[in-house]
């Protein structure tokens, strides 16, 4: 019984840390800057596309900083309105639901804990009219999630993310993403 409860909690926490979608877990993360390793993308003759990838990465990392306010630090003073600037539906709605989940549980992580994130361009891949896609790995295993009594609720997962961005009213926003639990990051 305890093992199944732990599995459900681990899944819920991975959904919260990554977002959720019908095909997997969504990845659009919240306050300290995430640990990021970004290898140089393959050389491209298309400087415009390189700029679009860089903009998408910036949008994704900003969404993580904002999400970490509540996912890591337990700041439930309100859903970060700034997420409206970097996320669009359905991803924005998923994050609002995840905020409400975390708010209800009052979970947070120990001071200084943060996921390790690796981000790369995902050339040639589109979804629902996306302008650009990124792939990422997010290792939340170093981020213990604790309840208000300090009890361990989850040790996290290693997730592979596919992230899709397009322009809404001139602003590039993350609007769709999936996460699959993996044994090893395929981007390493």
C-alpha atoms as a PDB file:
ATOM      1  CA  UNK A   1       0.000   0.000   0.000  1.00  0.00           C
ATOM      2  CA  UNK A   2       2.743   2.457   0.982  1.00  0.00           C
ATOM      3  CA  UNK A   3       4.623   1.673  -2.261  1.00  0.00           C
ATOM      4  CA  UNK A   4       1.553   2.425  -4.410  1.00  0.00           C
ATOM      5  CA  UNK A   5       0.936   5.672  -2.507  1.00  0.00           C
ATOM      6  CA  UNK A   6       4.575   6.639  -3.098  1.00  0.00           C
ATOM      7  CA  UNK A   7       4.230   5.830  -6.820  1.00  0.00           C
ATOM      8  CA  UNK A   8       1.101   7.981  -7.097  1.00  0.00           C
ATOM      9  CA  UNK A   9       2.798  10.832  -5.235  1.00  0.00           C
ATOM     10  CA  UNK A  10       5.923  10.541  -7.396  1.00  0.00           C
ATOM     11  CA  UNK A  11       3.795  10.673 -10.534  1.00  0.00           C
ATOM     12  CA  UNK A  12       1.813  13.662  -9.255  1.00  0.00           C
ATOM     13  CA  UNK A  13       4.993  15.526  -8.340  1.00  0.00           C
ATOM     14  CA  UNK A  14       6.565  14.798 -11.718  1.00  0.00           C
ATOM     15  CA  UNK A  15       3.384  16.132 -13.321  1.00  0.00           C
ATOM     16  CA  UNK A  16       3.569  19.231 -11.180  1.00  0.00           C
ATOM     17  CA  UNK A  17       7.239  19.834 -11.867  1.00  0.00           C
ATOM     18  CA  UNK A  18       6.779  19.201 -15.552  1.00  0.00           C
ATOM     19  CA  UNK A  19       3.166  19.950 -16.460  1.00  0.00           C
ATOM     20  CA  UNK A  20       0.774  17.436 -17.964  1.00  0.00           C
ATOM     21  CA  UNK A  21      -0.672  16.559 -21.316  1.00  0.00           C
ATOM     22  CA  UNK A  22      -2.508  13.698 -22.979  1.00  0.00           C
ATOM     23  CA  UNK A  23       0.616  11.925 -24.426  1.00  0.00           C
ATOM     24  CA  UNK A  24       2.820  12.507 -21.500  1.00  0.00           C
ATOM     25  CA  UNK A  25       3.770  15.018 -18.890  1.00  0.00           C
ATOM     26  CA  UNK A  26       4.005  18.641 -19.963  1.00  0.00           C
ATOM     27  CA  UNK A  27       7.090  20.558 -19.366  1.00  0.00           C
ATOM     28  CA  UNK A  28       6.778  24.150 -18.744  1.00  0.00           C
ATOM     29  CA  UNK A  29       8.332  25.002 -15.527  1.00  0.00           C
ATOM     30  CA  UNK A  30       9.416  28.529 -11.803  1.00  0.00           C
ATOM     31  CA  UNK A  31      12.210  31.068  -8.858  1.00  0.00           C
ATOM     32  CA  UNK A  32      15.860  30.419  -8.967  1.00  0.00           C
ATOM     33  CA  UNK A  33      17.333  30.190 -12.408  1.00  0.00           C
ATOM     34  CA  UNK A  34      17.415  26.564 -13.518  1.00  0.00           C
ATOM     35  CA  UNK A  35      20.725  24.790 -14.004  1.00  0.00           C
ATOM     36  CA  UNK A  36      21.160  24.752 -17.734  1.00  0.00           C
ATOM     37  CA  UNK A  37      23.634  23.143 -20.065  1.00  0.00           C
ATOM     38  CA  UNK A  38      23.192  24.214 -23.654  1.00  0.00           C
ATOM     39  CA  UNK A  39      25.651  22.792 -26.149  1.00  0.00           C
ATOM     40  CA  UNK A  40      26.256  24.793 -29.279  1.00  0.00           C
ATOM     41  CA  UNK A  41      23.604  23.922 -31.859  1.00  0.00           C
ATOM     42  CA  UNK A  42      24.733  22.571 -35.205  1.00  0.00           C
ATOM     43  CA  UNK A  43      25.965  25.384 -37.419  1.00  0.00           C
ATOM     44  CA  UNK A  44      23.147  26.974 -39.341  1.00  0.00           C
ATOM     45  CA  UNK A  45      23.093  29.237 -42.350  1.00  0.00           C
ATOM     46  CA  UNK A  46      19.738  30.486 -41.142  1.00  0.00           C
ATOM     47  CA  UNK A  47      20.510  33.125 -38.523  1.00  0.00           C
ATOM     48  CA  UNK A  48      16.785  33.886 -38.225  1.00  0.00           C
ATOM     49  CA  UNK A  49      16.059  30.306 -37.153  1.00  0.00           C
ATOM     50  CA  UNK A  50      18.949  30.380 -34.673  1.00  0.00           C
ATOM     51  CA  UNK A  51      17.466  33.564 -33.170  1.00  0.00           C
ATOM     52  CA  UNK A  52      14.056  31.868 -32.936  1.00  0.00           C
ATOM     53  CA  UNK A  53      15.580  28.893 -31.074  1.00  0.00           C
ATOM     54  CA  UNK A  54      17.348  31.288 -28.693  1.00  0.00           C
ATOM     55  CA  UNK A  55      14.078  33.160 -28.090  1.00  0.00           C
ATOM     56  CA  UNK A  56      12.219  29.899 -27.423  1.00  0.00           C
ATOM     57  CA  UNK A  57      14.887  28.810 -24.954  1.00  0.00           C
ATOM     58  CA  UNK A  58      14.621  32.145 -23.168  1.00  0.00           C
ATOM     59  CA  UNK A  59      10.812  31.770 -22.962  1.00  0.00           C
ATOM     60  CA  UNK A  60      11.132  28.243 -21.574  1.00  0.00           C
ATOM     61  CA  UNK A  61      13.728  29.191 -18.958  1.00  0.00           C
ATOM     62  CA  UNK A  62      11.655  32.201 -17.874  1.00  0.00           C
ATOM     63  CA  UNK A  63       8.631  29.934 -17.425  1.00  0.00           C
ATOM     64  CA  UNK A  64      10.747  27.683 -15.210  1.00  0.00           C
ATOM     65  CA  UNK A  65      11.863  30.600 -13.044  1.00  0.00           C
ATOM     66  CA  UNK A  66       8.251  31.655 -12.546  1.00  0.00           C
ATOM     67  CA  UNK A  67       7.033  28.133 -11.793  1.00  0.00           C
ATOM     68  CA  UNK A  68       9.786  27.547  -9.261  1.00  0.00           C
ATOM     69  CA  UNK A  69       8.218  30.235  -7.061  1.00  0.00           C
ATOM     70  CA  UNK A  70       5.512  27.786  -6.080  1.00  0.00           C
ATOM     71  CA  UNK A  71       6.882  24.406  -7.161  1.00  0.00           C
ATOM     72  CA  UNK A  72      10.130  24.753  -5.235  1.00  0.00           C
ATOM     73  CA  UNK A  73       9.587  27.575  -2.758  1.00  0.00           C
ATOM     74  CA  UNK A  74       5.953  27.093  -1.821  1.00  0.00           C
ATOM     75  CA  UNK A  75       4.936  30.673  -2.695  1.00  0.00           C
ATOM     76  CA  UNK A  76       1.160  30.356  -3.004  1.00  0.00           C
ATOM     77  CA  UNK A  77       0.395  34.075  -2.847  1.00  0.00           C
ATOM     78  CA  UNK A  78      -1.126  33.797  -6.313  1.00  0.00           C
ATOM     79  CA  UNK A  79      -0.608  32.196  -9.694  1.00  0.00           C
ATOM     80  CA  UNK A  80       2.268  34.138 -11.299  1.00  0.00           C
ATOM     81  CA  UNK A  81       0.557  36.477 -13.774  1.00  0.00           C
ATOM     82  CA  UNK A  82       3.861  36.778 -15.652  1.00  0.00           C
ATOM     83  CA  UNK A  83       3.281  33.228 -16.917  1.00  0.00           C
ATOM     84  CA  UNK A  84       0.665  34.765 -19.234  1.00  0.00           C
ATOM     85  CA  UNK A  85       3.567  36.466 -21.039  1.00  0.00           C
ATOM     86  CA  UNK A  86       5.425  33.227 -21.806  1.00  0.00           C
ATOM     87  CA  UNK A  87       2.727  30.515 -21.876  1.00  0.00           C
ATOM     88  CA  UNK A  88      -0.441  30.039 -23.931  1.00  0.00           C
ATOM     89  CA  UNK A  89      -3.227  27.482 -23.769  1.00  0.00           C
ATOM     90  CA  UNK A  90      -3.346  24.605 -23.362  1.00  0.00           C
ATOM     91  CA  UNK A  91       0.016  24.800 -21.569  1.00  0.00           C
ATOM     92  CA  UNK A  92      -1.030  27.833 -19.525  1.00  0.00           C
ATOM     93  CA  UNK A  93      -4.186  26.081 -18.278  1.00  0.00           C
ATOM     94  CA  UNK A  94      -2.202  22.973 -17.348  1.00  0.00           C
ATOM     95  CA  UNK A  95       0.165  25.123 -15.301  1.00  0.00           C
ATOM     96  CA  UNK A  96      -2.726  26.846 -13.553  1.00  0.00           C
ATOM     97  CA  UNK A  97      -4.090  23.390 -12.601  1.00  0.00           C
ATOM     98  CA  UNK A  98      -0.667  22.354 -11.348  1.00  0.00           C
ATOM     99  CA  UNK A  99      -0.413  25.523  -9.266  1.00  0.00           C
ATOM    100  CA  UNK A 100      -3.781  24.704  -7.690  1.00  0.00           C
ATOM    101  CA  UNK A 101      -2.600  21.137  -6.998  1.00  0.00           C
ATOM    102  CA  UNK A 102       0.591  22.363  -5.309  1.00  0.00           C
ATOM    103  CA  UNK A 103      -1.347  25.040  -3.426  1.00  0.00           C
ATOM    104  CA  UNK A 104      -3.739  22.418  -2.064  1.00  0.00           C
ATOM    105  CA  UNK A 105      -0.883  20.111  -1.014  1.00  0.00           C
ATOM    106  CA  UNK A 106       1.368  22.958   0.248  1.00  0.00           C
ATOM    107  CA  UNK A 107       4.409  21.067  -1.011  1.00  0.00           C
ATOM    108  CA  UNK A 108       7.828  22.651  -1.479  1.00  0.00           C
ATOM    109  CA  UNK A 109      11.482  21.693  -1.768  1.00  0.00           C
ATOM    110  CA  UNK A 110      14.490  22.248   0.488  1.00  0.00           C
ATOM    111  CA  UNK A 111      16.271  25.592   0.089  1.00  0.00           C
ATOM    112  CA  UNK A 112      18.663  25.602  -2.851  1.00  0.00           C
ATOM    113  CA  UNK A 113      17.232  22.514  -4.555  1.00  0.00           C
ATOM    114  CA  UNK A 114      16.590  22.887  -8.272  1.00  0.00           C
ATOM    115  CA  UNK A 115      16.296  20.617 -11.290  1.00  0.00           C
ATOM    116  CA  UNK A 116      19.113  20.229 -13.788  1.00  0.00           C
ATOM    117  CA  UNK A 117      17.968  21.235 -17.270  1.00  0.00           C
ATOM    118  CA  UNK A 118      19.549  20.614 -20.689  1.00  0.00           C
ATOM    119  CA  UNK A 119      17.930  22.340 -23.688  1.00  0.00           C
ATOM    120  CA  UNK A 120      18.498  21.846 -27.423  1.00  0.00           C
ATOM    121  CA  UNK A 121      16.831  22.915 -30.667  1.00  0.00           C
ATOM    122  CA  UNK A 122      14.467  20.359 -32.177  1.00  0.00           C
ATOM    123  CA  UNK A 123      14.728  21.118 -35.892  1.00  0.00           C
ATOM    124  CA  UNK A 124      12.122  19.942 -38.369  1.00  0.00           C
ATOM    125  CA  UNK A 125       9.528  19.092 -35.707  1.00  0.00           C
ATOM    126  CA  UNK A 126       6.174  20.882 -35.498  1.00  0.00           C
ATOM    127  CA  UNK A 127       2.892  20.463 -33.690  1.00  0.00           C
ATOM    128  CA  UNK A 128      -0.389  22.310 -34.177  1.00  0.00           C
ATOM    129  CA  UNK A 129       1.189  25.114 -36.197  1.00  0.00           C
ATOM    130  CA  UNK A 130       4.203  25.649 -33.959  1.00  0.00           C
ATOM    131  CA  UNK A 131       6.896  28.063 -35.169  1.00  0.00           C
ATOM    132  CA  UNK A 132       9.717  26.277 -33.377  1.00  0.00           C
ATOM    133  CA  UNK A 133      10.330  23.306 -31.078  1.00  0.00           C
ATOM    134  CA  UNK A 134      12.869  22.532 -28.384  1.00  0.00           C
ATOM    135  CA  UNK A 135      13.812  19.287 -26.724  1.00  0.00           C
ATOM    136  CA  UNK A 136      15.074  19.167 -23.183  1.00  0.00           C
ATOM    137  CA  UNK A 137      15.961  16.905 -20.326  1.00  0.00           C
ATOM    138  CA  UNK A 138      14.935  17.844 -16.818  1.00  0.00           C
ATOM    139  CA  UNK A 139      16.378  15.943 -13.891  1.00  0.00           C
ATOM    140  CA  UNK A 140      14.181  16.534 -10.857  1.00  0.00           C
ATOM    141  CA  UNK A 141      15.747  13.680  -8.859  1.00  0.00           C
ATOM    142  CA  UNK A 142      17.898  16.121  -6.834  1.00  0.00           C
ATOM    143  CA  UNK A 143      14.710  18.019  -5.910  1.00  0.00           C
ATOM    144  CA  UNK A 144      13.057  16.331  -2.968  1.00  0.00           C
ATOM    145  CA  UNK A 145       9.438  17.404  -2.561  1.00  0.00           C
ATOM    146  CA  UNK A 146       8.332  17.748   1.045  1.00  0.00           C
ATOM    147  CA  UNK A 147       4.961  18.226   2.680  1.00  0.00           C
ATOM    148  CA  UNK A 148       4.382  20.839   5.375  1.00  0.00           C
ATOM    149  CA  UNK A 149       5.571  18.347   8.025  1.00  0.00           C
ATOM    150  CA  UNK A 150       8.888  17.805   6.237  1.00  0.00           C
ATOM    151  CA  UNK A 151       7.923  14.327   5.041  1.00  0.00           C
ATOM    152  CA  UNK A 152       9.395  13.269   1.697  1.00  0.00           C
ATOM    153  CA  UNK A 153       6.654  13.085  -0.932  1.00  0.00           C
ATOM    154  CA  UNK A 154       8.783  12.528  -4.057  1.00  0.00           C
ATOM    155  CA  UNK A 155      12.358  12.211  -5.176  1.00  0.00           C
ATOM    156  CA  UNK A 156      11.618  13.292  -8.771  1.00  0.00           C
ATOM    157  CA  UNK A 157      12.346  11.802 -12.191  1.00  0.00           C
ATOM    158  CA  UNK A 158      14.575  12.227 -15.221  1.00  0.00           C
ATOM    159  CA  UNK A 159      12.292  13.506 -17.969  1.00  0.00           C
ATOM    160  CA  UNK A 160      12.728  14.037 -21.703  1.00  0.00           C
ATOM    161  CA  UNK A 161      10.650  17.001 -22.913  1.00  0.00           C
ATOM    162  CA  UNK A 162       9.355  18.112 -26.279  1.00  0.00           C
ATOM    163  CA  UNK A 163       8.325  21.784 -26.196  1.00  0.00           C
ATOM    164  CA  UNK A 164       6.370  23.674 -28.862  1.00  0.00           C
ATOM    165  CA  UNK A 165       6.225  27.442 -29.335  1.00  0.00           C
ATOM    166  CA  UNK A 166       4.332  29.840 -31.571  1.00  0.00           C
ATOM    167  CA  UNK A 167       3.527  33.513 -31.711  1.00  0.00           C
ATOM    168  CA  UNK A 168       0.430  34.903 -30.030  1.00  0.00           C
ATOM    169  CA  UNK A 169      -0.126  38.624 -30.590  1.00  0.00           C
ATOM    170  CA  UNK A 170       3.509  38.940 -31.672  1.00  0.00           C
ATOM    171  CA  UNK A 171       4.961  37.168 -28.601  1.00  0.00           C
ATOM    172  CA  UNK A 172       6.566  33.743 -28.779  1.00  0.00           C
ATOM    173  CA  UNK A 173       4.938  31.508 -26.170  1.00  0.00           C
ATOM    174  CA  UNK A 174       5.204  27.904 -25.056  1.00  0.00           C
ATOM    175  CA  UNK A 175       1.802  26.394 -25.817  1.00  0.00           C
ATOM    176  CA  UNK A 176       2.313  22.629 -25.801  1.00  0.00           C
ATOM    177  CA  UNK A 177       4.769  20.135 -24.366  1.00  0.00           C
ATOM    178  CA  UNK A 178       5.193  16.539 -23.362  1.00  0.00           C
ATOM    179  CA  UNK A 179       7.504  14.761 -20.955  1.00  0.00           C
ATOM    180  CA  UNK A 180       8.455  11.117 -20.888  1.00  0.00           C
ATOM    181  CA  UNK A 181      10.330   9.536 -18.035  1.00  0.00           C
ATOM    182  CA  UNK A 182      13.674   8.188 -19.279  1.00  0.00           C
ATOM    183  CA  UNK A 183      16.554   6.221 -17.794  1.00  0.00           C
ATOM    184  CA  UNK A 184      19.161   8.401 -19.506  1.00  0.00           C
ATOM    185  CA  UNK A 185      19.015  11.810 -21.156  1.00  0.00           C
ATOM    186  CA  UNK A 186      19.254  11.344 -24.942  1.00  0.00           C
ATOM    187  CA  UNK A 187      20.701  14.868 -25.256  1.00  0.00           C
ATOM    188  CA  UNK A 188      23.843  14.164 -23.219  1.00  0.00           C
END
